[in-house]
Amino acid sequence: MSNNKIDTKKVATKKVATKKVATKKVATKKVATKKDGTKIKLTLVKSLSGRLKAHQACAKGLGIKKIHRSIEVNNTPENMGMINKINYLLKIEKNNGT
């Protein structure tokens, strides 16, 4: 038997230069929020451990860290959405611009 060697050729691959395309930032409208200066006082009365991750994230977004600590947040639709989601964990008091 004869030994037949098969020639294998290495194929050189070309690297294609990619162009970076400048993207324009599109102007977006800002949603009008209440600027009347009202604040809401929140107190965490139940623990966050064992709660849904989304509820823990809402508490973190509001700035609530420990049980029986009070914070004041602005009365905006974004904050009200988070407050409504975790209202069973909070004691809510409304303040007038102080």
PDB file of N, CA and C in Angstrom:
ATOM      1  N   MET A   1       0.825  -1.169   0.000  1.00  0.00           N
ATOM      2  CA  MET A   1       0.000   0.000   0.000  1.00  0.00           C
ATOM      3  C   MET A   1       0.875   1.240   0.000  1.00  0.00           C
ATOM      4  N   SER A   2       0.437   2.161  -0.715  1.00  0.00           N
ATOM      5  CA  SER A   2       1.195   3.403  -0.790  1.00  0.00           C
ATOM      6  C   SER A   2       0.540   4.438   0.110  1.00  0.00           C
ATOM      7  N   ASN A   3       1.358   5.254   0.655  1.00  0.00           N
ATOM      8  CA  ASN A   3       0.859   6.319   1.512  1.00  0.00           C
ATOM      9  C   ASN A   3       0.576   7.558   0.660  1.00  0.00           C
ATOM     10  N   ASN A   4      -0.671   7.849   0.521  1.00  0.00           N
ATOM     11  CA  ASN A   4      -1.061   9.047  -0.223  1.00  0.00           C
ATOM     12  C   ASN A   4      -1.307  10.176   0.773  1.00  0.00           C
ATOM     13  N   LYS A   5      -0.590  11.225   0.584  1.00  0.00           N
ATOM     14  CA  LYS A   5      -0.778  12.373   1.470  1.00  0.00           C
ATOM     15  C   LYS A   5      -1.713  13.359   0.787  1.00  0.00           C
ATOM     16  N   ILE A   6      -2.651  13.804   1.550  1.00  0.00           N
ATOM     17  CA  ILE A   6      -3.591  14.791   1.027  1.00  0.00           C
ATOM     18  C   ILE A   6      -3.102  16.168   1.439  1.00  0.00           C
ATOM     19  N   ASP A   7      -2.967  17.015   0.448  1.00  0.00           N
ATOM     20  CA  ASP A   7      -2.528  18.381   0.742  1.00  0.00           C
ATOM     21  C   ASP A   7      -3.712  19.180   1.282  1.00  0.00           C
ATOM     22  N   THR A   8      -3.499  19.763   2.412  1.00  0.00           N
ATOM     23  CA  THR A   8      -4.523  20.644   2.961  1.00  0.00           C
ATOM     24  C   THR A   8      -4.016  22.067   2.849  1.00  0.00           C
ATOM     25  N   LYS A   9      -4.812  22.874   2.267  1.00  0.00           N
ATOM     26  CA  LYS A   9      -4.436  24.268   2.095  1.00  0.00           C
ATOM     27  C   LYS A   9      -5.154  25.105   3.138  1.00  0.00           C
ATOM     28  N   LYS A  10      -4.409  25.996   3.683  1.00  0.00           N
ATOM     29  CA  LYS A  10      -5.010  26.917   4.625  1.00  0.00           C
ATOM     30  C   LYS A  10      -5.582  28.081   3.835  1.00  0.00           C
ATOM     31  N   VAL A  11      -6.818  28.324   4.073  1.00  0.00           N
ATOM     32  CA  VAL A  11      -7.478  29.405   3.359  1.00  0.00           C
ATOM     33  C   VAL A  11      -7.382  30.659   4.219  1.00  0.00           C
ATOM     34  N   ALA A  12      -6.846  31.695   3.651  1.00  0.00           N
ATOM     35  CA  ALA A  12      -6.733  32.961   4.374  1.00  0.00           C
ATOM     36  C   ALA A  12      -8.079  33.668   4.318  1.00  0.00           C
ATOM     37  N   THR A  13      -8.519  34.099   5.464  1.00  0.00           N
ATOM     38  CA  THR A  13      -9.781  34.830   5.500  1.00  0.00           C
ATOM     39  C   THR A  13      -9.490  36.312   5.586  1.00  0.00           C
ATOM     40  N   LYS A  14     -10.250  37.065   4.874  1.00  0.00           N
ATOM     41  CA  LYS A  14     -10.075  38.516   4.891  1.00  0.00           C
ATOM     42  C   LYS A  14     -10.906  39.098   6.014  1.00  0.00           C
ATOM     43  N   LYS A  15     -10.310  40.047   6.681  1.00  0.00           N
ATOM     44  CA  LYS A  15     -11.048  40.765   7.700  1.00  0.00           C
ATOM     45  C   LYS A  15     -11.657  41.986   7.039  1.00  0.00           C
ATOM     46  N   VAL A  16     -12.937  42.068   7.149  1.00  0.00           N
ATOM     47  CA  VAL A  16     -13.644  43.176   6.525  1.00  0.00           C
ATOM     48  C   VAL A  16     -13.716  44.320   7.520  1.00  0.00           C
ATOM     49  N   ALA A  17     -13.297  45.477   7.082  1.00  0.00           N
ATOM     50  CA  ALA A  17     -13.350  46.652   7.950  1.00  0.00           C
ATOM     51  C   ALA A  17     -14.792  47.119   8.044  1.00  0.00           C
ATOM     52  N   THR A  18     -15.224  47.331   9.274  1.00  0.00           N
ATOM     53  CA  THR A  18     -16.587  47.815   9.471  1.00  0.00           C
ATOM     54  C   THR A  18     -16.551  49.301   9.756  1.00  0.00           C
ATOM     55  N   LYS A  19     -17.493  49.991   9.187  1.00  0.00           N
ATOM     56  CA  LYS A  19     -17.567  51.433   9.399  1.00  0.00           C
ATOM     57  C   LYS A  19     -18.464  51.715  10.588  1.00  0.00           C
ATOM     58  N   LYS A  20     -18.044  52.662  11.375  1.00  0.00           N
ATOM     59  CA  LYS A  20     -18.880  53.097  12.478  1.00  0.00           C
ATOM     60  C   LYS A  20     -19.794  54.196  11.958  1.00  0.00           C
ATOM     61  N   VAL A  21     -21.060  53.934  12.068  1.00  0.00           N
ATOM     62  CA  VAL A  21     -22.039  54.888  11.571  1.00  0.00           C
ATOM     63  C   VAL A  21     -22.485  55.766  12.732  1.00  0.00           C
ATOM     64  N   ALA A  22     -22.422  57.053  12.520  1.00  0.00           N
ATOM     65  CA  ALA A  22     -22.857  57.984  13.562  1.00  0.00           C
ATOM     66  C   ALA A  22     -24.378  57.968  13.626  1.00  0.00           C
ATOM     67  N   THR A  23     -24.884  57.788  14.822  1.00  0.00           N
ATOM     68  CA  THR A  23     -26.332  57.783  14.987  1.00  0.00           C
ATOM     69  C   THR A  23     -26.764  59.094  15.613  1.00  0.00           C
ATOM     70  N   LYS A  24     -27.861  59.589  15.143  1.00  0.00           N
ATOM     71  CA  LYS A  24     -28.390  60.837  15.680  1.00  0.00           C
ATOM     72  C   LYS A  24     -29.273  60.526  16.871  1.00  0.00           C
ATOM     73  N   LYS A  25     -29.174  61.363  17.864  1.00  0.00           N
ATOM     74  CA  LYS A  25     -30.054  61.219  19.008  1.00  0.00           C
ATOM     75  C   LYS A  25     -31.376  61.893  18.680  1.00  0.00           C
ATOM     76  N   VAL A  26     -32.420  61.152  18.866  1.00  0.00           N
ATOM     77  CA  VAL A  26     -33.744  61.676  18.554  1.00  0.00           C
ATOM     78  C   VAL A  26     -34.274  62.391  19.786  1.00  0.00           C
ATOM     79  N   ALA A  27     -34.769  63.580  19.585  1.00  0.00           N
ATOM     80  CA  ALA A  27     -35.328  64.346  20.692  1.00  0.00           C
ATOM     81  C   ALA A  27     -36.638  63.704  21.130  1.00  0.00           C
ATOM     82  N   THR A  28     -36.770  63.487  22.414  1.00  0.00           N
ATOM     83  CA  THR A  28     -37.997  62.907  22.935  1.00  0.00           C
ATOM     84  C   THR A  28     -38.686  63.925  23.818  1.00  0.00           C
ATOM     85  N   LYS A  29     -39.984  63.814  23.875  1.00  0.00           N
ATOM     86  CA  LYS A  29     -40.748  64.729  24.712  1.00  0.00           C
ATOM     87  C   LYS A  29     -40.673  64.251  26.154  1.00  0.00           C
ATOM     88  N   LYS A  30     -40.521  65.187  27.041  1.00  0.00           N
ATOM     89  CA  LYS A  30     -40.530  64.850  28.455  1.00  0.00           C
ATOM     90  C   LYS A  30     -41.965  64.884  28.956  1.00  0.00           C
ATOM     91  N   VAL A  31     -42.294  63.906  29.749  1.00  0.00           N
ATOM     92  CA  VAL A  31     -43.631  63.834  30.303  1.00  0.00           C
ATOM     93  C   VAL A  31     -43.738  64.853  31.423  1.00  0.00           C
ATOM     94  N   ALA A  32     -44.789  65.621  31.381  1.00  0.00           N
ATOM     95  CA  ALA A  32     -44.989  66.628  32.418  1.00  0.00           C
ATOM     96  C   ALA A  32     -45.328  65.946  33.733  1.00  0.00           C
ATOM     97  N   THR A  33     -44.627  66.329  34.772  1.00  0.00           N
ATOM     98  CA  THR A  33     -44.900  65.774  36.094  1.00  0.00           C
ATOM     99  C   THR A  33     -45.360  66.897  37.007  1.00  0.00           C
ATOM    100  N   LYS A  34     -45.918  66.517  38.113  1.00  0.00           N
ATOM    101  CA  LYS A  34     -46.386  67.513  39.061  1.00  0.00           C
ATOM    102  C   LYS A  34     -45.200  68.250  39.650  1.00  0.00           C
ATOM    103  N   LYS A  35     -45.241  69.555  39.594  1.00  0.00           N
ATOM    104  CA  LYS A  35     -44.179  70.379  40.161  1.00  0.00           C
ATOM    105  C   LYS A  35     -44.712  71.206  41.325  1.00  0.00           C
ATOM    106  N   ASP A  36     -45.791  70.725  41.931  1.00  0.00           N
ATOM    107  CA  ASP A  36     -46.402  71.510  42.995  1.00  0.00           C
ATOM    108  C   ASP A  36     -45.691  71.352  44.333  1.00  0.00           C
ATOM    109  N   GLY A  37     -44.659  70.545  44.397  1.00  0.00           N
ATOM    110  CA  GLY A  37     -43.851  70.443  45.605  1.00  0.00           C
ATOM    111  C   GLY A  37     -44.429  69.542  46.681  1.00  0.00           C
ATOM    112  N   THR A  38     -45.440  68.742  46.355  1.00  0.00           N
ATOM    113  CA  THR A  38     -45.979  67.855  47.381  1.00  0.00           C
ATOM    114  C   THR A  38     -45.055  66.664  47.569  1.00  0.00           C
ATOM    115  N   LYS A  39     -44.941  66.243  48.782  1.00  0.00           N
ATOM    116  CA  LYS A  39     -44.102  65.102  49.137  1.00  0.00           C
ATOM    117  C   LYS A  39     -44.971  64.070  49.839  1.00  0.00           C
ATOM    118  N   ILE A  40     -44.527  62.840  49.765  1.00  0.00           N
ATOM    119  CA  ILE A  40     -45.203  61.739  50.436  1.00  0.00           C
ATOM    120  C   ILE A  40     -44.222  61.100  51.396  1.00  0.00           C
ATOM    121  N   LYS A  41     -44.648  60.916  52.627  1.00  0.00           N
ATOM    122  CA  LYS A  41     -43.797  60.287  53.636  1.00  0.00           C
ATOM    123  C   LYS A  41     -44.108  58.800  53.658  1.00  0.00           C
ATOM    124  N   LEU A  42     -43.072  57.995  53.484  1.00  0.00           N
ATOM    125  CA  LEU A  42     -43.213  56.540  53.449  1.00  0.00           C
ATOM    126  C   LEU A  42     -42.424  55.904  54.583  1.00  0.00           C
ATOM    127  N   THR A  43     -43.017  54.912  55.210  1.00  0.00           N
ATOM    128  CA  THR A  43     -42.339  54.147  56.248  1.00  0.00           C
ATOM    129  C   THR A  43     -42.505  52.669  55.925  1.00  0.00           C
ATOM    130  N   LEU A  44     -41.405  51.939  55.890  1.00  0.00           N
ATOM    131  CA  LEU A  44     -41.452  50.503  55.636  1.00  0.00           C
ATOM    132  C   LEU A  44     -41.841  49.798  56.928  1.00  0.00           C
ATOM    133  N   VAL A  45     -42.962  49.056  56.903  1.00  0.00           N
ATOM    134  CA  VAL A  45     -43.440  48.399  58.120  1.00  0.00           C
ATOM    135  C   VAL A  45     -43.319  46.882  58.060  1.00  0.00           C
ATOM    136  N   LYS A  46     -43.068  46.333  56.863  1.00  0.00           N
ATOM    137  CA  LYS A  46     -42.866  44.892  56.728  1.00  0.00           C
ATOM    138  C   LYS A  46     -41.553  44.643  56.014  1.00  0.00           C
ATOM    139  N   SER A  47     -40.976  43.494  56.263  1.00  0.00           N
ATOM    140  CA  SER A  47     -39.669  43.159  55.710  1.00  0.00           C
ATOM    141  C   SER A  47     -39.732  42.908  54.209  1.00  0.00           C
ATOM    142  N   LEU A  48     -38.626  43.179  53.542  1.00  0.00           N
ATOM    143  CA  LEU A  48     -38.513  42.931  52.105  1.00  0.00           C
ATOM    144  C   LEU A  48     -38.018  41.524  51.792  1.00  0.00           C
ATOM    145  N   SER A  49     -37.494  40.830  52.791  1.00  0.00           N
ATOM    146  CA  SER A  49     -36.963  39.494  52.525  1.00  0.00           C
ATOM    147  C   SER A  49     -38.107  38.533  52.212  1.00  0.00           C
ATOM    148  N   GLY A  50     -37.913  37.725  51.205  1.00  0.00           N
ATOM    149  CA  GLY A  50     -38.920  36.774  50.792  1.00  0.00           C
ATOM    150  C   GLY A  50     -39.962  37.352  49.854  1.00  0.00           C
ATOM    151  N   ARG A  51     -39.832  38.604  49.474  1.00  0.00           N
ATOM    152  CA  ARG A  51     -40.788  39.251  48.571  1.00  0.00           C
ATOM    153  C   ARG A  51     -40.338  39.056  47.132  1.00  0.00           C
ATOM    154  N   LEU A  52     -41.208  39.370  46.219  1.00  0.00           N
ATOM    155  CA  LEU A  52     -40.875  39.279  44.803  1.00  0.00           C
ATOM    156  C   LEU A  52     -39.731  40.225  44.478  1.00  0.00           C
ATOM    157  N   LYS A  53     -38.912  39.821  43.518  1.00  0.00           N
ATOM    158  CA  LYS A  53     -37.769  40.662  43.109  1.00  0.00           C
ATOM    159  C   LYS A  53     -38.246  42.015  42.595  1.00  0.00           C
ATOM    160  N   ALA A  54     -39.376  42.039  41.910  1.00  0.00           N
ATOM    161  CA  ALA A  54     -39.907  43.305  41.393  1.00  0.00           C
ATOM    162  C   ALA A  54     -40.308  44.231  42.536  1.00  0.00           C
ATOM    163  N   HIS A  55     -40.831  43.677  43.613  1.00  0.00           N
ATOM    164  CA  HIS A  55     -41.217  44.490  44.763  1.00  0.00           C
ATOM    165  C   HIS A  55     -39.988  45.004  45.498  1.00  0.00           C
ATOM    166  N   GLN A  56     -38.955  44.179  45.600  1.00  0.00           N
ATOM    167  CA  GLN A  56     -37.710  44.631  46.215  1.00  0.00           C
ATOM    168  C   GLN A  56     -37.086  45.748  45.389  1.00  0.00           C
ATOM    169  N   ALA A  57     -37.186  45.633  44.068  1.00  0.00           N
ATOM    170  CA  ALA A  57     -36.634  46.659  43.189  1.00  0.00           C
ATOM    171  C   ALA A  57     -37.396  47.976  43.339  1.00  0.00           C
ATOM    172  N   CYS A  58     -38.701  47.910  43.532  1.00  0.00           N
ATOM    173  CA  CYS A  58     -39.493  49.124  43.747  1.00  0.00           C
ATOM    174  C   CYS A  58     -39.073  49.816  45.036  1.00  0.00           C
ATOM    175  N   ALA A  59     -38.858  49.044  46.085  1.00  0.00           N
ATOM    176  CA  ALA A  59     -38.435  49.620  47.358  1.00  0.00           C
ATOM    177  C   ALA A  59     -37.059  50.272  47.216  1.00  0.00           C
ATOM    178  N   LYS A  60     -36.169  49.618  46.496  1.00  0.00           N
ATOM    179  CA  LYS A  60     -34.835  50.175  46.277  1.00  0.00           C
ATOM    180  C   LYS A  60     -34.925  51.447  45.442  1.00  0.00           C
ATOM    181  N   GLY A  61     -35.801  51.452  44.453  1.00  0.00           N
ATOM    182  CA  GLY A  61     -35.984  52.632  43.612  1.00  0.00           C
ATOM    183  C   GLY A  61     -36.527  53.822  44.383  1.00  0.00           C
ATOM    184  N   LEU A  62     -37.345  53.542  45.376  1.00  0.00           N
ATOM    185  CA  LEU A  62     -37.878  54.622  46.212  1.00  0.00           C
ATOM    186  C   LEU A  62     -36.867  55.084  47.259  1.00  0.00           C
ATOM    187  N   GLY A  63     -35.858  54.283  47.519  1.00  0.00           N
ATOM    188  CA  GLY A  63     -34.841  54.650  48.503  1.00  0.00           C
ATOM    189  C   GLY A  63     -35.107  54.107  49.891  1.00  0.00           C
ATOM    190  N   ILE A  64     -35.989  53.129  49.981  1.00  0.00           N
ATOM    191  CA  ILE A  64     -36.320  52.532  51.278  1.00  0.00           C
ATOM    192  C   ILE A  64     -35.310  51.432  51.560  1.00  0.00           C
ATOM    193  N   LYS A  65     -34.688  51.479  52.751  1.00  0.00           N
ATOM    194  CA  LYS A  65     -33.647  50.504  53.056  1.00  0.00           C
ATOM    195  C   LYS A  65     -33.954  49.640  54.269  1.00  0.00           C
ATOM    196  N   LYS A  66     -34.483  50.221  55.329  1.00  0.00           N
ATOM    197  CA  LYS A  66     -34.669  49.479  56.567  1.00  0.00           C
ATOM    198  C   LYS A  66     -36.098  49.630  57.084  1.00  0.00           C
ATOM    199  N   ILE A  67     -36.499  48.645  57.885  1.00  0.00           N
ATOM    200  CA  ILE A  67     -37.822  48.680  58.492  1.00  0.00           C
ATOM    201  C   ILE A  67     -37.883  49.809  59.517  1.00  0.00           C
ATOM    202  N   HIS A  68     -39.018  50.465  59.591  1.00  0.00           N
ATOM    203  CA  HIS A  68     -39.324  51.564  60.520  1.00  0.00           C
ATOM    204  C   HIS A  68     -38.477  52.803  60.272  1.00  0.00           C
ATOM    205  N   ARG A  69     -37.944  52.941  59.070  1.00  0.00           N
ATOM    206  CA  ARG A  69     -37.257  54.171  58.675  1.00  0.00           C
ATOM    207  C   ARG A  69     -38.169  54.916  57.722  1.00  0.00           C
ATOM    208  N   SER A  70     -38.283  56.216  57.901  1.00  0.00           N
ATOM    209  CA  SER A  70     -39.157  57.026  57.066  1.00  0.00           C
ATOM    210  C   SER A  70     -38.350  57.807  56.041  1.00  0.00           C
ATOM    211  N   ILE A  71     -38.923  57.961  54.859  1.00  0.00           N
ATOM    212  CA  ILE A  71     -38.325  58.776  53.815  1.00  0.00           C
ATOM    213  C   ILE A  71     -39.425  59.635  53.205  1.00  0.00           C
ATOM    214  N   GLU A  72     -39.029  60.697  52.531  1.00  0.00           N
ATOM    215  CA  GLU A  72     -39.976  61.521  51.803  1.00  0.00           C
ATOM    216  C   GLU A  72     -39.614  61.489  50.332  1.00  0.00           C
ATOM    217  N   VAL A  73     -40.615  61.260  49.488  1.00  0.00           N
ATOM    218  CA  VAL A  73     -40.411  61.232  48.044  1.00  0.00           C
ATOM    219  C   VAL A  73     -41.364  62.225  47.398  1.00  0.00           C
ATOM    220  N   ASN A  74     -40.988  62.687  46.207  1.00  0.00           N
ATOM    221  CA  ASN A  74     -41.841  63.597  45.465  1.00  0.00           C
ATOM    222  C   ASN A  74     -43.066  62.858  44.941  1.00  0.00           C
ATOM    223  N   ASN A  75     -44.159  63.590  44.821  1.00  0.00           N
ATOM    224  CA  ASN A  75     -45.397  63.020  44.327  1.00  0.00           C
ATOM    225  C   ASN A  75     -45.382  63.075  42.800  1.00  0.00           C
ATOM    226  N   THR A  76     -44.787  62.059  42.180  1.00  0.00           N
ATOM    227  CA  THR A  76     -44.738  61.959  40.725  1.00  0.00           C
ATOM    228  C   THR A  76     -45.434  60.673  40.303  1.00  0.00           C
ATOM    229  N   PRO A  77     -45.874  60.584  39.063  1.00  0.00           N
ATOM    230  CA  PRO A  77     -46.528  59.345  38.616  1.00  0.00           C
ATOM    231  C   PRO A  77     -45.625  58.120  38.729  1.00  0.00           C
ATOM    232  N   GLU A  78     -44.312  58.305  38.511  1.00  0.00           N
ATOM    233  CA  GLU A  78     -43.387  57.182  38.602  1.00  0.00           C
ATOM    234  C   GLU A  78     -43.324  56.649  40.028  1.00  0.00           C
ATOM    235  N   ASN A  79     -43.196  57.557  40.986  1.00  0.00           N
ATOM    236  CA  ASN A  79     -43.143  57.140  42.392  1.00  0.00           C
ATOM    237  C   ASN A  79     -44.472  56.555  42.850  1.00  0.00           C
ATOM    238  N   MET A  80     -45.578  57.145  42.383  1.00  0.00           N
ATOM    239  CA  MET A  80     -46.885  56.622  42.789  1.00  0.00           C
ATOM    240  C   MET A  80     -47.099  55.200  42.267  1.00  0.00           C
ATOM    241  N   GLY A  81     -46.578  54.904  41.083  1.00  0.00           N
ATOM    242  CA  GLY A  81     -46.689  53.546  40.558  1.00  0.00           C
ATOM    243  C   GLY A  81     -45.947  52.548  41.424  1.00  0.00           C
ATOM    244  N   MET A  82     -44.744  52.927  41.874  1.00  0.00           N
ATOM    245  CA  MET A  82     -43.969  52.034  42.740  1.00  0.00           C
ATOM    246  C   MET A  82     -44.621  51.902  44.113  1.00  0.00           C
ATOM    247  N   ILE A  83     -45.175  53.004  44.616  1.00  0.00           N
ATOM    248  CA  ILE A  83     -45.843  52.972  45.922  1.00  0.00           C
ATOM    249  C   ILE A  83     -47.072  52.074  45.858  1.00  0.00           C
ATOM    250  N   ASN A  84     -47.846  52.191  44.790  1.00  0.00           N
ATOM    251  CA  ASN A  84     -49.047  51.353  44.654  1.00  0.00           C
ATOM    252  C   ASN A  84     -48.692  49.880  44.550  1.00  0.00           C
ATOM    253  N   LYS A  85     -47.563  49.570  43.977  1.00  0.00           N
ATOM    254  CA  LYS A  85     -47.159  48.181  43.811  1.00  0.00           C
ATOM    255  C   LYS A  85     -46.788  47.528  45.139  1.00  0.00           C
ATOM    256  N   ILE A  86     -46.176  48.297  46.050  1.00  0.00           N
ATOM    257  CA  ILE A  86     -45.737  47.722  47.329  1.00  0.00           C
ATOM    258  C   ILE A  86     -46.463  48.354  48.516  1.00  0.00           C
ATOM    259  N   ASN A  87     -47.704  48.799  48.295  1.00  0.00           N
ATOM    260  CA  ASN A  87     -48.428  49.493  49.355  1.00  0.00           C
ATOM    261  C   ASN A  87     -48.686  48.623  50.583  1.00  0.00           C
ATOM    262  N   TYR A  88     -48.691  47.299  50.425  1.00  0.00           N
ATOM    263  CA  TYR A  88     -48.920  46.416  51.563  1.00  0.00           C
ATOM    264  C   TYR A  88     -47.713  46.352  52.503  1.00  0.00           C
ATOM    265  N   LEU A  89     -46.579  46.897  52.070  1.00  0.00           N
ATOM    266  CA  LEU A  89     -45.379  46.923  52.896  1.00  0.00           C
ATOM    267  C   LEU A  89     -45.167  48.262  53.579  1.00  0.00           C
ATOM    268  N   LEU A  90     -45.944  49.273  53.181  1.00  0.00           N
ATOM    269  CA  LEU A  90     -45.658  50.657  53.571  1.00  0.00           C
ATOM    270  C   LEU A  90     -46.759  51.254  54.436  1.00  0.00           C
ATOM    271  N   LYS A  91     -46.353  52.259  55.199  1.00  0.00           N
ATOM    272  CA  LYS A  91     -47.295  53.186  55.825  1.00  0.00           C
ATOM    273  C   LYS A  91     -47.120  54.494  55.073  1.00  0.00           C
ATOM    274  N   ILE A  92     -48.206  55.032  54.524  1.00  0.00           N
ATOM    275  CA  ILE A  92     -48.140  56.176  53.637  1.00  0.00           C
ATOM    276  C   ILE A  92     -48.816  57.373  54.272  1.00  0.00           C
ATOM    277  N   GLU A  93     -48.097  58.505  54.322  1.00  0.00           N
ATOM    278  CA  GLU A  93     -48.641  59.763  54.830  1.00  0.00           C
ATOM    279  C   GLU A  93     -48.381  60.842  53.802  1.00  0.00           C
ATOM    280  N   LYS A  94     -49.365  61.669  53.524  1.00  0.00           N
ATOM    281  CA  LYS A  94     -49.176  62.740  52.564  1.00  0.00           C
ATOM    282  C   LYS A  94     -48.819  64.016  53.298  1.00  0.00           C
ATOM    283  N   ASN A  95     -47.794  64.709  52.807  1.00  0.00           N
ATOM    284  CA  ASN A  95     -47.362  65.987  53.353  1.00  0.00           C
ATOM    285  C   ASN A  95     -47.634  67.066  52.325  1.00  0.00           C
ATOM    286  N   ASN A  96     -47.787  68.301  52.793  1.00  0.00           N
ATOM    287  CA  ASN A  96     -48.024  69.404  51.878  1.00  0.00           C
ATOM    288  C   ASN A  96     -46.796  70.281  51.784  1.00  0.00           C
ATOM    289  N   GLY A  97     -45.955  70.038  50.783  1.00  0.00           N
ATOM    290  CA  GLY A  97     -44.854  70.899  50.423  1.00  0.00           C
ATOM    291  C   GLY A  97     -43.889  71.331  51.506  1.00  0.00           C
ATOM    292  N   THR A  98     -43.752  70.599  52.567  1.00  0.00           N
ATOM    293  CA  THR A  98     -42.794  70.993  53.605  1.00  0.00           C
ATOM    294  C   THR A  98     -41.509  70.264  53.449  1.00  0.00           C
TER     295      THR A  98
END
